[in-house]
Amino acid sequence: MKILKVEKSKELLISTNKSFSDITFELGYFDENSFRKFFKQETSLNPKNFRKRFQQNIKY
């Protein structure tokens, strides 16, 4: 389950412009701090930095 949440998080951060709030609730978290903590533990990056780093490599 944890791996699926990480992969879904990455997908949403890279392929959408959804707000962190929307992604947080879509994945079943009740607050952004919990989501940020979980994401950073699993990827070593916070969601904002992850999006910035990987979204710039996508050409639309």
PDB file of N, CA and C in Angstrom:
ATOM      1  N   MET A   1       0.828  -1.199   0.000  1.00  0.00           N
ATOM      2  CA  MET A   1       0.000   0.000   0.000  1.00  0.00           C
ATOM      3  C   MET A   1       0.874   1.265   0.000  1.00  0.00           C
ATOM      4  N   LYS A   2       1.919   1.246   0.806  1.00  0.00           N
ATOM      5  CA  LYS A   2       2.796   2.410   0.894  1.00  0.00           C
ATOM      6  C   LYS A   2       3.459   2.683  -0.454  1.00  0.00           C
ATOM      7  N   ILE A   3       3.915   1.627  -1.115  1.00  0.00           N
ATOM      8  CA  ILE A   3       4.568   1.778  -2.421  1.00  0.00           C
ATOM      9  C   ILE A   3       3.599   2.353  -3.441  1.00  0.00           C
ATOM     10  N   LEU A   4       2.360   1.903  -3.402  1.00  0.00           N
ATOM     11  CA  LEU A   4       1.353   2.424  -4.331  1.00  0.00           C
ATOM     12  C   LEU A   4       1.114   3.915  -4.099  1.00  0.00           C
ATOM     13  N   LYS A   5       1.081   4.336  -2.843  1.00  0.00           N
ATOM     14  CA  LYS A   5       0.879   5.757  -2.539  1.00  0.00           C
ATOM     15  C   LYS A   5       2.048   6.593  -3.038  1.00  0.00           C
ATOM     16  N   VAL A   6       3.255   6.078  -2.869  1.00  0.00           N
ATOM     17  CA  VAL A   6       4.439   6.804  -3.345  1.00  0.00           C
ATOM     18  C   VAL A   6       4.378   6.953  -4.859  1.00  0.00           C
ATOM     19  N   GLU A   7       4.095   5.862  -5.549  1.00  0.00           N
ATOM     20  CA  GLU A   7       4.042   5.910  -7.014  1.00  0.00           C
ATOM     21  C   GLU A   7       2.919   6.820  -7.504  1.00  0.00           C
ATOM     22  N   LYS A   8       1.757   6.747  -6.882  1.00  0.00           N
ATOM     23  CA  LYS A   8       0.639   7.617  -7.257  1.00  0.00           C
ATOM     24  C   LYS A   8       0.997   9.078  -6.981  1.00  0.00           C
ATOM     25  N   SER A   9       1.647   9.328  -5.864  1.00  0.00           N
ATOM     26  CA  SER A   9       2.091  10.692  -5.525  1.00  0.00           C
ATOM     27  C   SER A   9       3.013  11.239  -6.592  1.00  0.00           C
ATOM     28  N   LYS A  10       4.005  10.439  -6.965  1.00  0.00           N
ATOM     29  CA  LYS A  10       4.952  10.870  -7.995  1.00  0.00           C
ATOM     30  C   LYS A  10       4.234  11.169  -9.303  1.00  0.00           C
ATOM     31  N   GLU A  11       3.338  10.279  -9.682  1.00  0.00           N
ATOM     32  CA  GLU A  11       2.588  10.461 -10.929  1.00  0.00           C
ATOM     33  C   GLU A  11       1.805  11.769 -10.911  1.00  0.00           C
ATOM     34  N   LEU A  12       1.085  12.019  -9.819  1.00  0.00           N
ATOM     35  CA  LEU A  12       0.278  13.237  -9.719  1.00  0.00           C
ATOM     36  C   LEU A  12       1.148  14.493  -9.696  1.00  0.00           C
ATOM     37  N   LEU A  13       2.270  14.433  -9.012  1.00  0.00           N
ATOM     38  CA  LEU A  13       3.152  15.598  -8.929  1.00  0.00           C
ATOM     39  C   LEU A  13       3.781  15.935 -10.271  1.00  0.00           C
ATOM     40  N   ILE A  14       4.123  14.907 -11.034  1.00  0.00           N
ATOM     41  CA  ILE A  14       4.798  15.131 -12.311  1.00  0.00           C
ATOM     42  C   ILE A  14       3.815  15.449 -13.436  1.00  0.00           C
ATOM     43  N   SER A  15       2.719  14.712 -13.496  1.00  0.00           N
ATOM     44  CA  SER A  15       1.857  14.787 -14.679  1.00  0.00           C
ATOM     45  C   SER A  15       0.650  15.709 -14.533  1.00  0.00           C
ATOM     46  N   THR A  16       0.481  16.316 -13.364  1.00  0.00           N
ATOM     47  CA  THR A  16      -0.639  17.241 -13.190  1.00  0.00           C
ATOM     48  C   THR A  16      -0.140  18.531 -12.553  1.00  0.00           C
ATOM     49  N   ASN A  17      -0.990  19.510 -12.549  1.00  0.00           N
ATOM     50  CA  ASN A  17      -0.716  20.752 -11.834  1.00  0.00           C
ATOM     51  C   ASN A  17      -1.632  20.888 -10.629  1.00  0.00           C
ATOM     52  N   LYS A  18      -2.116  19.740 -10.142  1.00  0.00           N
ATOM     53  CA  LYS A  18      -2.979  19.761  -8.957  1.00  0.00           C
ATOM     54  C   LYS A  18      -2.215  20.358  -7.789  1.00  0.00           C
ATOM     55  N   SER A  19      -2.946  21.010  -6.927  1.00  0.00           N
ATOM     56  CA  SER A  19      -2.315  21.589  -5.738  1.00  0.00           C
ATOM     57  C   SER A  19      -1.880  20.470  -4.799  1.00  0.00           C
ATOM     58  N   PHE A  20      -0.948  20.796  -3.923  1.00  0.00           N
ATOM     59  CA  PHE A  20      -0.499  19.819  -2.938  1.00  0.00           C
ATOM     60  C   PHE A  20      -1.663  19.415  -2.036  1.00  0.00           C
ATOM     61  N   SER A  21      -2.539  20.356  -1.777  1.00  0.00           N
ATOM     62  CA  SER A  21      -3.726  20.082  -0.970  1.00  0.00           C
ATOM     63  C   SER A  21      -4.614  19.031  -1.638  1.00  0.00           C
ATOM     64  N   ASP A  22      -4.873  19.205  -2.913  1.00  0.00           N
ATOM     65  CA  ASP A  22      -5.700  18.246  -3.649  1.00  0.00           C
ATOM     66  C   ASP A  22      -5.060  16.863  -3.671  1.00  0.00           C
ATOM     67  N   ILE A  23      -3.762  16.814  -3.908  1.00  0.00           N
ATOM     68  CA  ILE A  23      -3.054  15.530  -3.939  1.00  0.00           C
ATOM     69  C   ILE A  23      -3.090  14.882  -2.555  1.00  0.00           C
ATOM     70  N   THR A  24      -2.884  15.682  -1.524  1.00  0.00           N
ATOM     71  CA  THR A  24      -2.923  15.180  -0.150  1.00  0.00           C
ATOM     72  C   THR A  24      -4.229  14.454   0.125  1.00  0.00           C
ATOM     73  N   PHE A  25      -5.342  15.093  -0.177  1.00  0.00           N
ATOM     74  CA  PHE A  25      -6.641  14.503   0.116  1.00  0.00           C
ATOM     75  C   PHE A  25      -6.981  13.355  -0.823  1.00  0.00           C
ATOM     76  N   GLU A  26      -6.540  13.442  -2.065  1.00  0.00           N
ATOM     77  CA  GLU A  26      -6.784  12.363  -3.027  1.00  0.00           C
ATOM     78  C   GLU A  26      -6.110  11.062  -2.573  1.00  0.00           C
ATOM     79  N   LEU A  27      -4.980  11.195  -1.913  1.00  0.00           N
ATOM     80  CA  LEU A  27      -4.246  10.016  -1.447  1.00  0.00           C
ATOM     81  C   LEU A  27      -4.674   9.553  -0.056  1.00  0.00           C
ATOM     82  N   GLY A  28      -5.630  10.259   0.530  1.00  0.00           N
ATOM     83  CA  GLY A  28      -6.177   9.812   1.812  1.00  0.00           C
ATOM     84  C   GLY A  28      -5.525  10.404   3.048  1.00  0.00           C
ATOM     85  N   TYR A  29      -4.722  11.434   2.879  1.00  0.00           N
ATOM     86  CA  TYR A  29      -4.134  12.108   4.029  1.00  0.00           C
ATOM     87  C   TYR A  29      -5.061  13.232   4.445  1.00  0.00           C
ATOM     88  N   PHE A  30      -5.031  13.574   5.728  1.00  0.00           N
ATOM     89  CA  PHE A  30      -5.925  14.600   6.239  1.00  0.00           C
ATOM     90  C   PHE A  30      -5.271  15.973   6.329  1.00  0.00           C
ATOM     91  N   ASP A  31      -3.955  16.000   6.246  1.00  0.00           N
ATOM     92  CA  ASP A  31      -3.282  17.296   6.241  1.00  0.00           C
ATOM     93  C   ASP A  31      -1.987  17.208   5.441  1.00  0.00           C
ATOM     94  N   GLU A  32      -1.570  18.340   4.919  1.00  0.00           N
ATOM     95  CA  GLU A  32      -0.394  18.401   4.054  1.00  0.00           C
ATOM     96  C   GLU A  32       0.898  18.040   4.782  1.00  0.00           C
ATOM     97  N   ASN A  33       0.983  18.353   6.061  1.00  0.00           N
ATOM     98  CA  ASN A  33       2.203  18.029   6.807  1.00  0.00           C
ATOM     99  C   ASN A  33       2.442  16.521   6.856  1.00  0.00           C
ATOM    100  N   SER A  34       1.392  15.756   7.061  1.00  0.00           N
ATOM    101  CA  SER A  34       1.526  14.289   7.075  1.00  0.00           C
ATOM    102  C   SER A  34       1.976  13.787   5.719  1.00  0.00           C
ATOM    103  N   PHE A  35       1.382  14.326   4.666  1.00  0.00           N
ATOM    104  CA  PHE A  35       1.761  13.919   3.312  1.00  0.00           C
ATOM    105  C   PHE A  35       3.213  14.277   3.029  1.00  0.00           C
ATOM    106  N   ARG A  36       3.611  15.511   3.366  1.00  0.00           N
ATOM    107  CA  ARG A  36       4.990  15.949   3.130  1.00  0.00           C
ATOM    108  C   ARG A  36       5.994  15.052   3.857  1.00  0.00           C
ATOM    109  N   LYS A  37       5.695  14.752   5.112  1.00  0.00           N
ATOM    110  CA  LYS A  37       6.583  13.910   5.917  1.00  0.00           C
ATOM    111  C   LYS A  37       6.706  12.515   5.294  1.00  0.00           C
ATOM    112  N   PHE A  38       5.580  11.915   4.936  1.00  0.00           N
ATOM    113  CA  PHE A  38       5.574  10.600   4.304  1.00  0.00           C
ATOM    114  C   PHE A  38       6.381  10.627   3.008  1.00  0.00           C
ATOM    115  N   PHE A  39       6.109  11.615   2.165  1.00  0.00           N
ATOM    116  CA  PHE A  39       6.758  11.686   0.858  1.00  0.00           C
ATOM    117  C   PHE A  39       8.268  11.860   1.002  1.00  0.00           C
ATOM    118  N   LYS A  40       8.677  12.726   1.908  1.00  0.00           N
ATOM    119  CA  LYS A  40      10.114  12.966   2.102  1.00  0.00           C
ATOM    120  C   LYS A  40      10.806  11.718   2.657  1.00  0.00           C
ATOM    121  N   GLN A  41      10.158  11.003   3.546  1.00  0.00           N
ATOM    122  CA  GLN A  41      10.739   9.766   4.079  1.00  0.00           C
ATOM    123  C   GLN A  41      10.969   8.750   2.960  1.00  0.00           C
ATOM    124  N   GLU A  42      10.058   8.707   2.009  1.00  0.00           N
ATOM    125  CA  GLU A  42      10.120   7.695   0.956  1.00  0.00           C
ATOM    126  C   GLU A  42      10.991   8.091  -0.237  1.00  0.00           C
ATOM    127  N   THR A  43      11.162   9.384  -0.480  1.00  0.00           N
ATOM    128  CA  THR A  43      11.863   9.824  -1.691  1.00  0.00           C
ATOM    129  C   THR A  43      13.084  10.709  -1.422  1.00  0.00           C
ATOM    130  N   SER A  44      13.267  11.137  -0.204  1.00  0.00           N
ATOM    131  CA  SER A  44      14.344  12.061   0.189  1.00  0.00           C
ATOM    132  C   SER A  44      14.150  13.478  -0.346  1.00  0.00           C
ATOM    133  N   LEU A  45      13.013  13.747  -0.946  1.00  0.00           N
ATOM    134  CA  LEU A  45      12.680  15.098  -1.425  1.00  0.00           C
ATOM    135  C   LEU A  45      11.298  15.461  -0.905  1.00  0.00           C
ATOM    136  N   ASN A  46      11.089  16.750  -0.649  1.00  0.00           N
ATOM    137  CA  ASN A  46       9.719  17.133  -0.327  1.00  0.00           C
ATOM    138  C   ASN A  46       8.939  17.239  -1.644  1.00  0.00           C
ATOM    139  N   PRO A  47       7.610  17.201  -1.591  1.00  0.00           N
ATOM    140  CA  PRO A  47       6.814  17.195  -2.831  1.00  0.00           C
ATOM    141  C   PRO A  47       7.102  18.374  -3.762  1.00  0.00           C
ATOM    142  N   LYS A  48       7.297  19.545  -3.190  1.00  0.00           N
ATOM    143  CA  LYS A  48       7.552  20.732  -4.020  1.00  0.00           C
ATOM    144  C   LYS A  48       8.848  20.580  -4.811  1.00  0.00           C
ATOM    145  N   ASN A  49       9.900  20.154  -4.140  1.00  0.00           N
ATOM    146  CA  ASN A  49      11.184  19.982  -4.831  1.00  0.00           C
ATOM    147  C   ASN A  49      11.133  18.837  -5.832  1.00  0.00           C
ATOM    148  N   PHE A  50      10.415  17.787  -5.490  1.00  0.00           N
ATOM    149  CA  PHE A  50      10.267  16.666  -6.421  1.00  0.00           C
ATOM    150  C   PHE A  50       9.590  17.145  -7.702  1.00  0.00           C
ATOM    151  N   ARG A  51       8.492  17.878  -7.566  1.00  0.00           N
ATOM    152  CA  ARG A  51       7.761  18.388  -8.737  1.00  0.00           C
ATOM    153  C   ARG A  51       8.655  19.303  -9.562  1.00  0.00           C
ATOM    154  N   LYS A  52       9.335  20.194  -8.900  1.00  0.00           N
ATOM    155  CA  LYS A  52      10.197  21.144  -9.606  1.00  0.00           C
ATOM    156  C   LYS A  52      11.286  20.414 -10.392  1.00  0.00           C
ATOM    157  N   ARG A  53      11.899  19.421  -9.765  1.00  0.00           N
ATOM    158  CA  ARG A  53      12.996  18.692 -10.400  1.00  0.00           C
ATOM    159  C   ARG A  53      12.526  17.848 -11.586  1.00  0.00           C
ATOM    160  N   PHE A  54      11.419  17.157 -11.427  1.00  0.00           N
ATOM    161  CA  PHE A  54      11.021  16.191 -12.443  1.00  0.00           C
ATOM    162  C   PHE A  54      10.007  16.731 -13.451  1.00  0.00           C
ATOM    163  N   GLN A  55       9.232  17.719 -13.082  1.00  0.00           N
ATOM    164  CA  GLN A  55       8.247  18.252 -14.021  1.00  0.00           C
ATOM    165  C   GLN A  55       8.931  19.048 -15.129  1.00  0.00           C
ATOM    166  N   GLN A  56      10.062  19.656 -14.848  1.00  0.00           N
ATOM    167  CA  GLN A  56      10.755  20.445 -15.872  1.00  0.00           C
ATOM    168  C   GLN A  56      11.314  19.563 -16.980  1.00  0.00           C
ATOM    169  N   ASN A  57      11.455  18.262 -16.715  1.00  0.00           N
ATOM    170  CA  ASN A  57      11.959  17.342 -17.735  1.00  0.00           C
ATOM    171  C   ASN A  57      10.864  16.843 -18.673  1.00  0.00           C
ATOM    172  N   ILE A  58       9.619  17.147 -18.355  1.00  0.00           N
ATOM    173  CA  ILE A  58       8.484  16.722 -19.175  1.00  0.00           C
ATOM    174  C   ILE A  58       8.187  17.818 -20.187  1.00  0.00           C
ATOM    175  N   LYS A  59       8.088  17.451 -21.431  1.00  0.00           N
ATOM    176  CA  LYS A  59       7.727  18.424 -22.472  1.00  0.00           C
ATOM    177  C   LYS A  59       6.272  18.201 -22.848  1.00  0.00           C
ATOM    178  N   TYR A  60       5.495  19.274 -22.762  1.00  0.00           N
ATOM    179  CA  TYR A  60       4.066  19.169 -23.071  1.00  0.00           C
ATOM    180  C   TYR A  60       3.814  19.566 -24.502  1.00  0.00           C
TER     181      TYR A  60
END
